[in-house]
C-alpha atoms as a PDB file:
ATOM      1  CA  UNK A   1     147.846  56.594  81.636  1.00  0.00           C
ATOM      2  CA  UNK A   2     150.629  59.493  81.904  1.00  0.00           C
ATOM      3  CA  UNK A   3     153.758  59.328  80.384  1.00  0.00           C
ATOM      4  CA  UNK A   4     156.567  61.615  79.588  1.00  0.00           C
ATOM      5  CA  UNK A   5     157.197  60.071  76.003  1.00  0.00           C
ATOM      6  CA  UNK A   6     155.558  61.518  73.032  1.00  0.00           C
ATOM      7  CA  UNK A   7     155.972  58.895  70.937  1.00  0.00           C
ATOM      8  CA  UNK A   8     152.910  56.799  71.692  1.00  0.00           C
ATOM      9  CA  UNK A   9     150.686  54.929  68.865  1.00  0.00           C
ATOM     10  CA  UNK A  10     148.580  52.676  69.609  1.00  0.00           C
ATOM     11  CA  UNK A  11     147.963  49.490  68.252  1.00  0.00           C
ATOM     12  CA  UNK A  12     146.817  45.770  67.756  1.00  0.00           C
ATOM     13  CA  UNK A  13     149.317  42.898  69.105  1.00  0.00           C
ATOM     14  CA  UNK A  14     149.399  40.585  65.860  1.00  0.00           C
ATOM     15  CA  UNK A  15     151.881  38.391  67.501  1.00  0.00           C
ATOM     16  CA  UNK A  16     153.607  37.162  70.939  1.00  0.00           C
ATOM     17  CA  UNK A  17     156.516  34.810  70.711  1.00  0.00           C
ATOM     18  CA  UNK A  18     158.321  33.940  73.795  1.00  0.00           C
ATOM     19  CA  UNK A  19     161.862  32.669  73.887  1.00  0.00           C
ATOM     20  CA  UNK A  20     163.898  31.795  76.838  1.00  0.00           C
ATOM     21  CA  UNK A  21     164.059  35.055  78.959  1.00  0.00           C
ATOM     22  CA  UNK A  22     162.685  37.415  76.024  1.00  0.00           C
ATOM     23  CA  UNK A  23     159.854  37.486  74.103  1.00  0.00           C
ATOM     24  CA  UNK A  24     159.338  39.708  70.943  1.00  0.00           C
ATOM     25  CA  UNK A  25     156.226  41.438  70.425  1.00  0.00           C
ATOM     26  CA  UNK A  26     155.155  42.565  67.361  1.00  0.00           C
ATOM     27  CA  UNK A  27     152.038  45.479  67.565  1.00  0.00           C
ATOM     28  CA  UNK A  28     150.425  46.574  64.155  1.00  0.00           C
ATOM     29  CA  UNK A  29     149.944  50.666  64.559  1.00  0.00           C
ATOM     30  CA  UNK A  30     149.136  51.005  60.767  1.00  0.00           C
ATOM     31  CA  UNK A  31     148.189  49.695  58.492  1.00  0.00           C
ATOM     32  CA  UNK A  32     150.320  46.847  57.538  1.00  0.00           C
ATOM     33  CA  UNK A  33     152.876  48.667  59.635  1.00  0.00           C
ATOM     34  CA  UNK A  34     154.448  47.166  62.595  1.00  0.00           C
ATOM     35  CA  UNK A  35     156.567  47.726  65.096  1.00  0.00           C
ATOM     36  CA  UNK A  36     158.409  44.749  66.791  1.00  0.00           C
ATOM     37  CA  UNK A  37     159.430  45.225  70.738  1.00  0.00           C
ATOM     38  CA  UNK A  38     162.000  42.970  72.542  1.00  0.00           C
ATOM     39  CA  UNK A  39     160.363  42.694  76.485  1.00  0.00           C
ATOM     40  CA  UNK A  40     160.958  39.980  78.813  1.00  0.00           C
ATOM     41  CA  UNK A  41     158.714  37.179  79.588  1.00  0.00           C
ATOM     42  CA  UNK A  42     157.818  38.163  82.816  1.00  0.00           C
ATOM     43  CA  UNK A  43     156.530  41.845  80.948  1.00  0.00           C
ATOM     44  CA  UNK A  44     154.429  40.010  78.590  1.00  0.00           C
ATOM     45  CA  UNK A  45     152.663  38.154  81.619  1.00  0.00           C
ATOM     46  CA  UNK A  46     152.170  41.692  83.813  1.00  0.00           C
ATOM     47  CA  UNK A  47     150.619  43.778  80.988  1.00  0.00           C
ATOM     48  CA  UNK A  48     148.402  40.658  79.847  1.00  0.00           C
ATOM     49  CA  UNK A  49     149.727  40.495  76.551  1.00  0.00           C
ATOM     50  CA  UNK A  50     147.353  38.551  74.271  1.00  0.00           C
ATOM     51  CA  UNK A  51     147.164  38.220  70.413  1.00  0.00           C
ATOM     52  CA  UNK A  52     144.740  40.648  69.200  1.00  0.00           C
ATOM     53  CA  UNK A  53     144.728  42.930  72.454  1.00  0.00           C
ATOM     54  CA  UNK A  54     145.090  46.278  72.467  1.00  0.00           C
ATOM     55  CA  UNK A  55     148.768  47.457  73.367  1.00  0.00           C
ATOM     56  CA  UNK A  56     150.788  51.006  72.811  1.00  0.00           C
ATOM     57  CA  UNK A  57     154.120  51.195  70.968  1.00  0.00           C
ATOM     58  CA  UNK A  58     156.233  54.036  73.534  1.00  0.00           C
ATOM     59  CA  UNK A  59     159.049  55.373  71.357  1.00  0.00           C
ATOM     60  CA  UNK A  60     161.679  56.944  74.008  1.00  0.00           C
ATOM     61  CA  UNK A  61     165.362  57.935  72.290  1.00  0.00           C
ATOM     62  CA  UNK A  62     167.504  60.800  72.474  1.00  0.00           C
ATOM     63  CA  UNK A  63     168.610  60.390  68.845  1.00  0.00           C
ATOM     64  CA  UNK A  64     167.517  58.257  65.743  1.00  0.00           C
ATOM     65  CA  UNK A  65     169.344  57.513  63.081  1.00  0.00           C
ATOM     66  CA  UNK A  66     168.322  57.628  59.587  1.00  0.00           C
ATOM     67  CA  UNK A  67     171.094  55.580  56.746  1.00  0.00           C
ATOM     68  CA  UNK A  68     171.560  55.336  52.974  1.00  0.00           C
ATOM     69  CA  UNK A  69     173.351  52.526  50.538  1.00  0.00           C
END
């Protein structure tokens, strides 16, 4: 796989929760560090995502914002 995004984190799928059209997929990329993504149910099926399977969280953003109280 080649991709232009440089923020690619390999991990294990720990949860796939399908809704009417969108699914929330959680990937554990390090001990206790979980990234959640919202993707279509069709994408979940096409990628063959299942709990316990391996996947990549790919982050492509032009800005990262930080806030404090």
